[in-house]
């Protein structure tokens, strides 16, 4: 699966979970945050797509995804990032 397709799947997953993804420019890596009790993931669109995908995967590790259907390629990507983070 291409990186662009994985990025699209992360966006679909965020919609299903009610998490807003904000893409910005600046001197930051990105990650999870909460603003006015709204869950948000901020990613830096100036970073390479691989880095943006890794940030998204690390953010979604924090959510209970076991009961959701996620396409196998996306689930594998998230699980791979989980093992690399240990």
Protein backbone atom coordinates (compact mmCIF):
# COMPACT_ATOMS: atom_id res chain seq x y z
CA UNK A 1 0.00 0.00 0.00
CA UNK A 2 1.34 3.44 -0.86
CA UNK A 3 2.12 6.03 1.80
CA UNK A 4 -0.54 8.31 0.34
CA UNK A 5 -3.18 5.57 0.69
CA UNK A 6 -2.10 4.91 4.30
CA UNK A 7 -2.48 8.62 5.02
CA UNK A 8 -6.01 8.53 3.58
CA UNK A 9 -6.85 5.50 5.74
CA UNK A 10 -5.58 7.29 8.86
CA UNK A 11 -7.88 10.21 7.99
CA UNK A 12 -10.85 7.86 7.59
CA UNK A 13 -10.01 6.22 10.91
CA UNK A 14 -9.85 9.59 12.64
CA UNK A 15 -13.30 10.44 11.28
CA UNK A 16 -14.70 7.18 12.65
CA UNK A 17 -13.21 7.88 16.08
CA UNK A 18 -14.22 11.55 16.11
CA UNK A 19 -10.63 12.76 16.21
CA UNK A 20 -9.72 15.87 14.25
CA UNK A 21 -6.43 15.91 12.33
CA UNK A 22 -4.89 19.35 11.90
CA UNK A 23 -2.13 19.78 9.32
CA UNK A 24 0.09 22.75 9.97
CA UNK A 25 3.47 24.20 9.16
CA UNK A 26 6.10 25.12 11.69
CA UNK A 27 8.87 23.94 13.95
CA UNK A 28 7.11 20.97 15.57
CA UNK A 29 6.88 17.22 15.09
CA UNK A 30 3.21 16.72 15.95
CA UNK A 31 1.16 14.46 18.18
CA UNK A 32 -1.99 14.12 20.27
CA UNK A 33 -3.55 16.98 22.15
CA UNK A 34 -6.88 17.98 23.63
CA UNK A 35 -8.43 21.40 23.07
CA UNK A 36 -11.67 22.22 24.87
CA UNK A 37 -12.18 18.47 25.48
CA UNK A 38 -11.87 17.77 21.73
CA UNK A 39 -9.29 15.15 20.73
CA UNK A 40 -6.92 16.45 18.07
CA UNK A 41 -3.88 15.11 16.28
CA UNK A 42 -1.53 17.75 14.91
CA UNK A 43 0.88 16.83 12.12
CA UNK A 44 3.45 18.96 10.37
CA UNK A 45 2.78 18.93 6.64
CA UNK A 46 6.34 20.08 5.95
CA UNK A 47 7.73 16.78 7.29
CA UNK A 48 8.28 13.79 4.99
CA UNK A 49 5.23 11.56 4.60
CA UNK A 50 6.98 8.69 6.41
CA UNK A 51 7.42 10.87 9.48
CA UNK A 52 3.79 12.05 9.35
CA UNK A 53 2.63 8.42 9.13
CA UNK A 54 4.79 7.47 12.11
CA UNK A 55 3.32 10.33 14.17
CA UNK A 56 -0.21 9.24 13.26
CA UNK A 57 0.52 5.60 14.09
CA UNK A 58 1.98 6.53 17.49
CA UNK A 59 -1.06 8.70 18.20
CA UNK A 60 -3.53 5.94 17.33
CA UNK A 61 -1.67 3.43 19.51
CA UNK A 62 -3.16 5.29 22.47
CA UNK A 63 -6.73 4.42 21.40
CA UNK A 64 -8.57 1.11 21.77
CA UNK A 65 -8.70 -0.11 18.18
CA UNK A 66 -9.35 -3.80 18.93
CA UNK A 67 -13.10 -3.58 18.36
CA UNK A 68 -12.85 -1.58 15.13
CA UNK A 69 -12.40 -2.96 11.67
CA UNK A 70 -9.26 -1.43 10.24
CA UNK A 71 -7.89 -2.53 6.89
CA UNK A 72 -5.08 -5.05 7.47
CA UNK A 73 -2.33 -2.86 5.96
CA UNK A 74 -3.16 0.03 8.31
CA UNK A 75 -3.43 -2.24 11.35
CA UNK A 76 -0.07 -3.81 10.45
CA UNK A 77 1.51 -0.36 10.12
CA UNK A 78 0.20 0.71 13.54
CA UNK A 79 1.34 -2.58 15.11
CA UNK A 80 4.78 -2.20 13.53
CA UNK A 81 5.15 1.28 15.04
CA UNK A 82 4.00 -0.12 18.41
CA UNK A 83 6.82 -2.69 18.43
CA UNK A 84 9.41 -0.15 17.30
CA UNK A 85 8.37 2.22 20.09
CA UNK A 86 9.17 -0.28 22.87
